[in-house]
Amino acid sequence: MPVLVASDLDRTLIYSAAALALTMPDARAPRLLCVEVHESRPLSYLTETAAQLLTDLGDTAVFVPTTTRTRKQYQRINLPGPQPTYAICANGGHLLVDGVTDQDWHAEVQARLADECAPLAEIGEHLMATADPVWVRKHRVAEDLFAYLVVERELLPEDWVKELAAWAENLGWTVSLQGRKIYAVPKPLTKSAAVREVARRTGAHLTLAAGDSLLDADLLLAADRGWRPGHGELADADWIAPQISALPERGVLAGERIVREFLRASRPQVRPDGPQP
């Protein structure tokens, strides 16, 4: 019976240069591996140690990248280890099987959204009407499923996101601020639902998960065990649950710790950090 490992990517396993949090002296900084290039520039990294651990994990468990990224954004990433059979994109809106969208799953998601929440067009119109061009850099619609803004954080009014969240709540949507992006996502569009489907298909007896944002809370709650890093929305809110471990590490070293914990929990008889005295 396999172990299923479902992990968020950005600021959980992989990190932009701005999110690395390399607070140690330069000479003690970890060696990094670039795993994403965009427009000919390196974009996302993990430590070389995390890369080796992730390779080991792919040989041990069913590793499922689980991201809010669109399929196109996800496919830019070149993670070490075996190519995952399953991947979850668009916050659960697309379940990829060997890199191809499962159309039956996508149709189920679309039907659920139509039944349970306000249409995307209404949300998009509200964002366009209320977001100030002074601090908005981009308006985006992702996979015709949800919307997000790219903003200048230092110019963003302190209460604007809270007001947006309160308005969206009544329409069946949730709001999340992650780095420079403000997401508006339908409540039924969840990573946890897609992960449960993968667990059903694989017959997994144990599900492990990790994530850093409010959009990952349902994923963590659906897992048998979960981890969150010492940064991100969940850490800022001191969010915790009985089966969740709040890690002290921040930045790229948190990503390394998370993969280490995944490997330890999926192969409890083996210590992934090497032989013990």
Protein backbone atom coordinates (compact mmCIF):
# COMPACT_ATOMS: atom_id res chain seq x y z
CA MET A 1 0.00 0.00 0.00
CA PRO A 2 1.71 3.23 -1.13
CA VAL A 3 2.32 6.42 0.81
CA LEU A 4 1.01 9.54 -0.94
CA VAL A 5 3.00 12.76 -0.50
CA ALA A 6 1.14 15.90 -1.64
CA SER A 7 3.17 19.08 -1.40
CA ASP A 8 2.62 22.69 -2.33
CA LEU A 9 5.51 24.05 -4.39
CA ASP A 10 6.16 27.80 -4.16
CA ARG A 11 7.51 28.85 -0.76
CA THR A 12 7.08 25.27 0.47
CA LEU A 13 9.43 23.14 -1.64
CA ILE A 14 10.83 25.68 -4.13
CA TYR A 15 11.82 29.30 -3.62
CA SER A 16 12.45 32.42 -5.67
CA ALA A 17 15.62 34.38 -4.96
CA ALA A 18 13.56 36.87 -2.93
CA ALA A 19 12.11 34.08 -0.76
CA LEU A 20 15.28 32.08 -0.01
CA ALA A 21 15.81 33.72 3.42
CA LEU A 22 19.56 33.11 3.45
CA THR A 23 20.22 34.78 6.78
CA MET A 24 23.40 32.86 7.57
CA PRO A 25 26.93 34.14 6.74
CA ASP A 26 27.61 33.85 3.02
CA ALA A 27 30.28 31.18 3.53
CA ARG A 28 27.71 28.94 5.27
CA ALA A 29 24.91 29.33 2.74
CA PRO A 30 23.67 26.05 1.26
CA ARG A 31 24.42 25.08 -2.33
CA LEU A 32 21.35 25.67 -4.48
CA LEU A 33 19.88 23.92 -7.50
CA CYS A 34 17.81 25.92 -9.99
CA VAL A 35 14.61 24.04 -10.88
CA GLU A 36 12.77 26.69 -12.91
CA VAL A 37 13.79 29.03 -15.71
CA HIS A 38 11.39 31.64 -17.07
CA GLU A 39 12.13 33.93 -20.02
CA SER A 40 15.76 32.69 -19.98
CA ARG A 41 16.24 33.66 -16.32
CA PRO A 42 16.61 31.39 -13.28
CA LEU A 43 13.50 31.69 -11.12
CA SER A 44 13.11 28.96 -8.48
CA TYR A 45 15.51 26.98 -6.35
CA LEU A 46 15.88 24.30 -3.71
CA THR A 47 18.99 23.18 -1.87
CA GLU A 48 21.12 20.43 -3.37
CA THR A 49 20.44 18.38 -0.25
CA ALA A 50 16.69 18.79 -0.74
CA ALA A 51 17.12 17.73 -4.37
CA GLN A 52 18.74 14.45 -3.32
CA LEU A 53 16.11 13.84 -0.66
CA LEU A 54 13.35 14.54 -3.18
CA THR A 55 14.90 12.02 -5.57
CA ASP A 56 14.91 9.43 -2.76
CA LEU A 57 11.31 10.32 -1.93
CA GLY A 58 10.21 9.75 -5.52
CA ASP A 59 11.58 6.22 -5.30
CA THR A 60 9.75 5.58 -2.03
CA ALA A 61 6.33 7.24 -2.20
CA VAL A 62 3.74 8.55 -4.67
CA PHE A 63 4.92 12.16 -4.84
CA VAL A 64 2.21 14.56 -6.08
CA PRO A 65 3.16 18.21 -6.73
CA THR A 66 0.10 20.17 -5.59
CA THR A 67 0.01 23.79 -6.67
CA THR A 68 -2.14 26.82 -7.38
CA ARG A 69 -0.04 27.40 -10.49
CA THR A 70 -1.60 26.99 -13.91
CA ARG A 71 -0.56 23.99 -15.96
CA LYS A 72 1.73 26.14 -18.09
CA GLN A 73 3.42 27.62 -15.02
CA TYR A 74 3.80 24.19 -13.44
CA GLN A 75 5.37 22.72 -16.56
CA ARG A 76 8.24 25.22 -16.34
CA ILE A 77 9.44 23.44 -13.20
CA ASN A 78 12.01 20.66 -13.55
CA LEU A 79 12.08 18.86 -10.21
CA PRO A 80 14.73 16.25 -9.48
CA GLY A 81 13.77 12.59 -9.18
CA PRO A 82 11.30 10.45 -11.08
CA GLN A 83 8.66 12.26 -13.16
CA PRO A 84 5.50 12.32 -11.00
CA THR A 85 2.64 10.25 -12.40
CA TYR A 86 0.12 12.65 -10.86
CA ALA A 87 0.24 16.42 -10.42
CA ILE A 88 -2.44 18.83 -9.21
CA CYS A 89 -2.60 22.29 -10.77
CA ALA A 90 -4.89 25.33 -10.54
CA ASN A 91 -5.60 24.61 -6.87
CA GLY A 92 -7.24 21.30 -7.74
CA GLY A 93 -8.94 22.35 -10.96
CA HIS A 94 -6.68 20.18 -13.09
CA LEU A 95 -5.49 16.69 -12.23
CA LEU A 96 -2.62 15.74 -14.53
CA VAL A 97 -1.94 12.07 -15.24
CA ASP A 98 1.42 11.58 -16.94
CA GLY A 99 1.32 15.28 -17.80
CA VAL A 100 -2.14 15.24 -19.39
CA THR A 101 -5.33 16.73 -17.91
CA ASP A 102 -7.91 14.22 -16.71
CA GLN A 103 -10.97 15.63 -18.47
CA ASP A 104 -13.47 13.75 -16.32
CA TRP A 105 -12.03 15.27 -13.16
CA HIS A 106 -11.99 18.75 -14.70
CA ALA A 107 -15.64 18.43 -15.73
CA GLU A 108 -16.59 17.41 -12.17
CA VAL A 109 -14.82 20.47 -10.79
CA GLN A 110 -16.51 22.83 -13.24
CA ALA A 111 -19.95 21.42 -12.36
CA ARG A 112 -19.28 21.88 -8.65
CA LEU A 113 -18.22 25.51 -9.13
CA ALA A 114 -21.30 26.30 -11.20
CA ASP A 115 -23.55 24.88 -8.46
CA GLU A 116 -21.89 26.31 -5.36
CA CYS A 117 -20.45 29.79 -5.91
CA ALA A 118 -20.73 33.05 -7.82
CA PRO A 119 -19.32 33.10 -11.36
CA LEU A 120 -15.73 34.08 -12.07
CA ALA A 121 -16.86 37.02 -14.20
CA GLU A 122 -18.51 38.70 -11.20
CA ILE A 123 -15.34 38.35 -9.13
CA GLY A 124 -13.17 39.64 -11.94
CA GLU A 125 -15.37 42.70 -12.46
CA HIS A 126 -15.16 43.52 -8.74
CA LEU A 127 -11.37 43.23 -8.77
CA MET A 128 -11.09 45.52 -11.78
CA ALA A 129 -13.42 48.07 -10.18
CA THR A 130 -11.85 48.20 -6.72
CA ALA A 131 -8.13 47.53 -7.19
CA ASP A 132 -6.10 50.71 -7.60
CA PRO A 133 -3.75 50.87 -10.62
CA VAL A 134 -1.28 52.64 -8.33
CA TRP A 135 -0.44 49.31 -6.66
CA VAL A 136 -1.76 46.70 -9.13
CA ARG A 137 0.75 45.51 -11.71
CA LYS A 138 -1.23 42.70 -13.36
CA HIS A 139 -4.77 41.30 -13.45
CA ARG A 140 -4.86 37.61 -14.32
CA VAL A 141 -7.45 34.86 -14.81
CA ALA A 142 -6.03 31.37 -14.31
CA GLU A 143 -7.41 28.47 -16.34
CA ASP A 144 -10.88 30.10 -16.36
CA LEU A 145 -11.16 28.95 -12.74
CA PHE A 146 -9.93 31.77 -10.48
CA ALA A 147 -8.41 35.25 -10.56
CA TYR A 148 -5.37 36.89 -9.05
CA LEU A 149 -3.62 40.23 -8.91
CA VAL A 150 0.10 40.94 -8.91
CA VAL A 151 0.66 43.92 -6.63
CA GLU A 152 3.29 46.16 -5.09
CA ARG A 153 3.10 45.03 -1.48
CA GLU A 154 4.55 48.22 -0.02
CA LEU A 155 1.78 50.27 -1.67
CA LEU A 156 -1.10 47.88 -0.92
CA PRO A 157 -3.59 49.42 1.57
CA GLU A 158 -3.56 47.48 4.81
CA ASP A 159 -7.30 46.76 4.92
CA TRP A 160 -7.99 46.18 1.24
CA VAL A 161 -7.40 42.41 1.29
CA LYS A 162 -9.55 42.00 4.42
CA GLU A 163 -12.40 43.93 2.80
CA LEU A 164 -12.09 41.85 -0.36
CA ALA A 165 -12.14 38.64 1.67
CA ALA A 166 -15.29 39.67 3.54
CA TRP A 167 -17.05 40.54 0.27
CA ALA A 168 -15.97 37.30 -1.43
CA GLU A 169 -16.98 35.14 1.55
CA ASN A 170 -20.65 35.79 0.88
CA LEU A 171 -20.26 34.66 -2.73
CA GLY A 172 -18.57 31.36 -1.96
CA TRP A 173 -15.02 32.54 -2.67
CA THR A 174 -11.89 32.80 -0.56
CA VAL A 175 -9.01 35.29 -0.72
CA SER A 176 -5.33 34.64 -0.07
CA LEU A 177 -2.31 36.98 -0.10
CA GLN A 178 0.91 35.18 -1.09
CA GLY A 179 3.98 37.27 -1.68
CA ARG A 180 3.05 39.78 -4.40
CA LYS A 181 -0.09 37.91 -5.46
CA ILE A 182 -3.66 38.26 -4.20
CA TYR A 183 -5.73 35.20 -5.11
CA ALA A 184 -9.53 35.00 -5.32
CA VAL A 185 -10.45 31.31 -5.47
CA PRO A 186 -13.84 29.54 -5.36
CA LYS A 187 -14.27 27.67 -2.08
CA PRO A 188 -15.11 24.34 -3.79
CA LEU A 189 -11.85 24.55 -5.78
CA THR A 190 -9.55 22.75 -3.35
CA LYS A 191 -6.30 20.85 -3.40
CA SER A 192 -7.68 18.39 -0.86
CA ALA A 193 -10.45 17.14 -3.17
CA ALA A 194 -7.95 16.35 -5.91
CA VAL A 195 -5.59 14.68 -3.44
CA ARG A 196 -8.40 12.46 -2.17
CA GLU A 197 -9.03 11.41 -5.78
CA VAL A 198 -5.36 10.48 -6.23
CA ALA A 199 -5.43 8.55 -2.95
CA ARG A 200 -8.48 6.65 -4.19
CA ARG A 201 -6.81 5.78 -7.48
CA THR A 202 -3.52 4.70 -5.94
CA GLY A 203 -4.93 2.95 -2.87
CA ALA A 204 -2.64 5.00 -0.63
CA HIS A 205 -2.91 4.09 3.06
CA LEU A 206 -1.10 7.19 4.35
CA THR A 207 -1.24 10.77 3.07
CA LEU A 208 1.44 13.33 3.95
CA ALA A 209 1.20 17.01 3.01
CA ALA A 210 2.92 20.38 3.34
CA GLY A 211 2.00 23.96 2.54
CA ASP A 212 2.49 27.55 3.66
CA SER A 213 -0.63 29.50 2.64
CA LEU A 214 -4.30 29.69 3.57
CA LEU A 215 -5.05 27.89 0.30
CA ASP A 216 -3.10 24.93 1.72
CA ALA A 217 -5.07 24.64 4.96
CA ASP A 218 -7.63 22.24 3.52
CA LEU A 219 -4.82 20.12 2.07
CA LEU A 220 -3.10 19.86 5.44
CA LEU A 221 -6.33 19.06 7.28
CA ALA A 222 -7.10 16.26 4.81
CA ALA A 223 -3.72 14.59 5.36
CA ASP A 224 -2.80 12.05 8.01
CA ARG A 225 0.27 14.16 8.80
CA GLY A 226 1.31 17.58 7.63
CA TRP A 227 4.00 20.23 7.96
CA ARG A 228 4.07 23.97 7.50
CA PRO A 229 7.19 26.17 7.36
CA GLY A 230 7.98 29.02 9.73
CA HIS A 231 6.98 31.61 7.11
CA GLY A 232 3.85 32.31 5.06
CA GLU A 233 0.20 33.01 5.77
CA LEU A 234 -0.30 29.98 8.02
CA ALA A 235 2.71 30.84 10.16
CA ASP A 236 1.68 34.50 10.34
CA ALA A 237 -1.73 33.39 11.64
CA ASP A 238 -0.19 30.87 14.07
CA TRP A 239 -2.35 28.26 12.32
CA ILE A 240 -2.01 24.73 13.66
CA ALA A 241 -3.98 21.49 13.85
CA PRO A 242 -3.48 18.24 15.79
CA GLN A 243 -1.76 16.36 12.96
CA ILE A 244 0.25 19.37 11.73
CA SER A 245 3.85 20.15 12.70
CA ALA A 246 4.83 23.82 12.67
CA LEU A 247 8.50 23.96 11.66
CA PRO A 248 10.83 26.72 12.86
CA GLU A 249 12.81 26.89 9.63
CA ARG A 250 12.10 29.67 7.16
CA GLY A 251 12.94 30.01 3.47
CA VAL A 252 14.74 27.41 1.42
CA LEU A 253 15.97 25.54 4.51
CA ALA A 254 12.32 24.97 5.45
CA GLY A 255 11.88 23.27 2.08
CA GLU A 256 14.79 20.98 2.83
CA ARG A 257 13.39 20.15 6.27
CA ILE A 258 9.97 19.37 4.78
CA VAL A 259 11.37 16.86 2.28
CA ARG A 260 13.39 15.28 5.07
CA GLU A 261 10.24 14.89 7.15
CA PHE A 262 8.36 13.42 4.19
CA LEU A 263 11.05 10.82 3.68
CA ARG A 264 11.27 10.00 7.38
CA ALA A 265 7.50 9.55 7.65
CA SER A 266 7.19 7.48 4.47
CA ARG A 267 10.12 5.23 5.37
CA PRO A 268 10.08 5.22 9.18
CA GLN A 269 12.69 2.48 9.40
CA VAL A 270 15.24 4.66 7.55
CA ARG A 271 16.80 7.91 8.76
CA PRO A 272 17.07 10.15 5.66
CA ASP A 273 19.83 12.24 7.26
CA GLY A 274 22.19 9.27 7.30
CA PRO A 275 23.34 6.53 9.67
CA GLN A 276 22.98 7.34 13.34
CA PRO A 277 25.65 6.52 15.94
